[in-house]
């Protein structure tokens, strides 16, 4: 969940997720929700952008995204990291919670 206590109606958020495991890629099985732009399916970097409510709703949607391991026989961890940025200066706090 993305949280911004100072969110304004025109604020736009960009969430970037990166898979740090070589060969792993993101999958976006469903069609994106209204108000959200998703790019990077099939790559190691996925971006989700839109208003605060739309971005939060996307990540709350069961099965909104997944990943493909580097090989069918891969048995290790798939490492991921993320960041959140806002296109407006009102951002004072942004948190991704699982």
Protein backbone atom coordinates (compact mmCIF):
# COMPACT_ATOMS: atom_id res chain seq x y z
CA UNK A 1 0.00 0.00 0.00
CA UNK A 2 1.28 3.45 -0.85
CA UNK A 3 0.55 6.08 1.80
CA UNK A 4 0.96 9.87 1.54
CA UNK A 5 -0.76 11.92 4.26
CA UNK A 6 -0.26 15.11 2.19
CA UNK A 7 -1.66 13.66 -1.05
CA UNK A 8 -3.27 16.19 -3.34
CA UNK A 9 -5.86 15.45 -6.03
CA UNK A 10 -3.36 16.07 -8.83
CA UNK A 11 -0.44 14.11 -7.32
CA UNK A 12 0.92 11.35 -9.52
CA UNK A 13 3.00 8.46 -8.16
CA UNK A 14 5.54 6.22 -9.82
CA UNK A 15 6.32 2.88 -8.18
CA UNK A 16 9.34 1.08 -9.61
CA UNK A 17 10.04 -2.56 -8.79
CA UNK A 18 13.27 -4.30 -9.80
CA UNK A 19 14.08 -7.99 -9.77
CA UNK A 20 17.73 -8.39 -8.83
CA UNK A 21 17.88 -12.08 -9.75
CA UNK A 22 19.44 -12.43 -13.24
CA UNK A 23 16.98 -13.92 -15.72
CA UNK A 24 13.84 -13.30 -13.62
CA UNK A 25 11.07 -11.24 -15.24
CA UNK A 26 7.76 -9.67 -14.19
CA UNK A 27 4.38 -10.92 -15.37
CA UNK A 28 1.21 -8.80 -15.30
CA UNK A 29 -1.57 -11.36 -15.81
CA UNK A 30 -4.60 -9.06 -15.69
CA UNK A 31 -5.40 -5.93 -17.57
CA UNK A 32 -4.42 -2.75 -15.73
CA UNK A 33 -7.08 -0.95 -13.74
CA UNK A 34 -8.49 2.43 -14.67
CA UNK A 35 -6.19 5.29 -13.73
CA UNK A 36 -3.04 3.15 -13.63
CA UNK A 37 -0.30 2.77 -16.21
CA UNK A 38 1.80 -0.41 -16.01
CA UNK A 39 4.92 -1.05 -18.07
CA UNK A 40 7.77 -3.53 -18.02
CA UNK A 41 5.99 -6.89 -18.24
CA UNK A 42 8.51 -9.44 -19.49
CA UNK A 43 11.45 -7.44 -18.10
CA UNK A 44 13.24 -7.18 -14.75
CA UNK A 45 11.90 -3.64 -14.11
CA UNK A 46 8.20 -2.92 -13.63
CA UNK A 47 6.71 0.57 -13.27
CA UNK A 48 3.22 1.42 -12.06
CA UNK A 49 2.05 5.03 -12.19
CA UNK A 50 -1.12 6.92 -11.43
CA UNK A 51 -2.99 8.62 -8.64
CA UNK A 52 -2.57 7.43 -5.07
CA UNK A 53 -5.89 5.55 -4.87
CA UNK A 54 -5.41 3.88 -8.26
CA UNK A 55 -1.84 2.73 -7.51
CA UNK A 56 -2.89 1.41 -4.09
CA UNK A 57 -5.86 -0.43 -5.62
CA UNK A 58 -3.60 -2.02 -8.24
CA UNK A 59 -1.28 -3.48 -5.60
CA UNK A 60 -4.24 -4.60 -3.46
CA UNK A 61 -5.68 -6.57 -6.38
CA UNK A 62 -5.00 -10.29 -5.95
CA UNK A 63 -2.78 -11.57 -8.76
CA UNK A 64 -2.05 -8.09 -10.12
CA UNK A 65 1.53 -9.08 -10.85
CA UNK A 66 3.91 -11.98 -10.54
CA UNK A 67 7.30 -13.08 -11.79
CA UNK A 68 8.91 -15.83 -13.79
CA UNK A 69 11.99 -17.50 -12.29
CA UNK A 70 15.18 -17.64 -14.37
CA UNK A 71 14.60 -21.30 -15.28
CA UNK A 72 12.06 -24.07 -14.62
CA UNK A 73 14.57 -25.71 -12.27
CA UNK A 74 15.49 -22.56 -10.32
CA UNK A 75 15.26 -23.14 -6.57
CA UNK A 76 16.75 -19.99 -5.02
CA UNK A 77 15.23 -16.73 -3.86
CA UNK A 78 14.14 -14.09 -6.34
CA UNK A 79 15.31 -10.78 -4.89
CA UNK A 80 13.23 -7.65 -5.48
CA UNK A 81 13.49 -4.01 -4.46
CA UNK A 82 11.24 -1.02 -4.97
CA UNK A 83 10.97 2.74 -4.83
CA UNK A 84 8.17 5.32 -4.83
CA UNK A 85 8.40 8.84 -6.23
CA UNK A 86 5.83 11.62 -6.61
CA UNK A 87 5.60 14.16 -9.40
CA UNK A 88 4.59 16.87 -6.94
CA UNK A 89 6.46 18.44 -4.02
CA UNK A 90 3.73 17.52 -1.50
CA UNK A 91 5.12 14.03 -0.90
CA UNK A 92 6.21 13.73 2.71
CA UNK A 93 5.86 10.00 3.32
CA UNK A 94 5.56 7.01 1.01
CA UNK A 95 5.54 3.44 2.27
CA UNK A 96 5.03 0.14 0.50
CA UNK A 97 3.47 -2.42 2.83
CA UNK A 98 2.72 -6.01 2.01
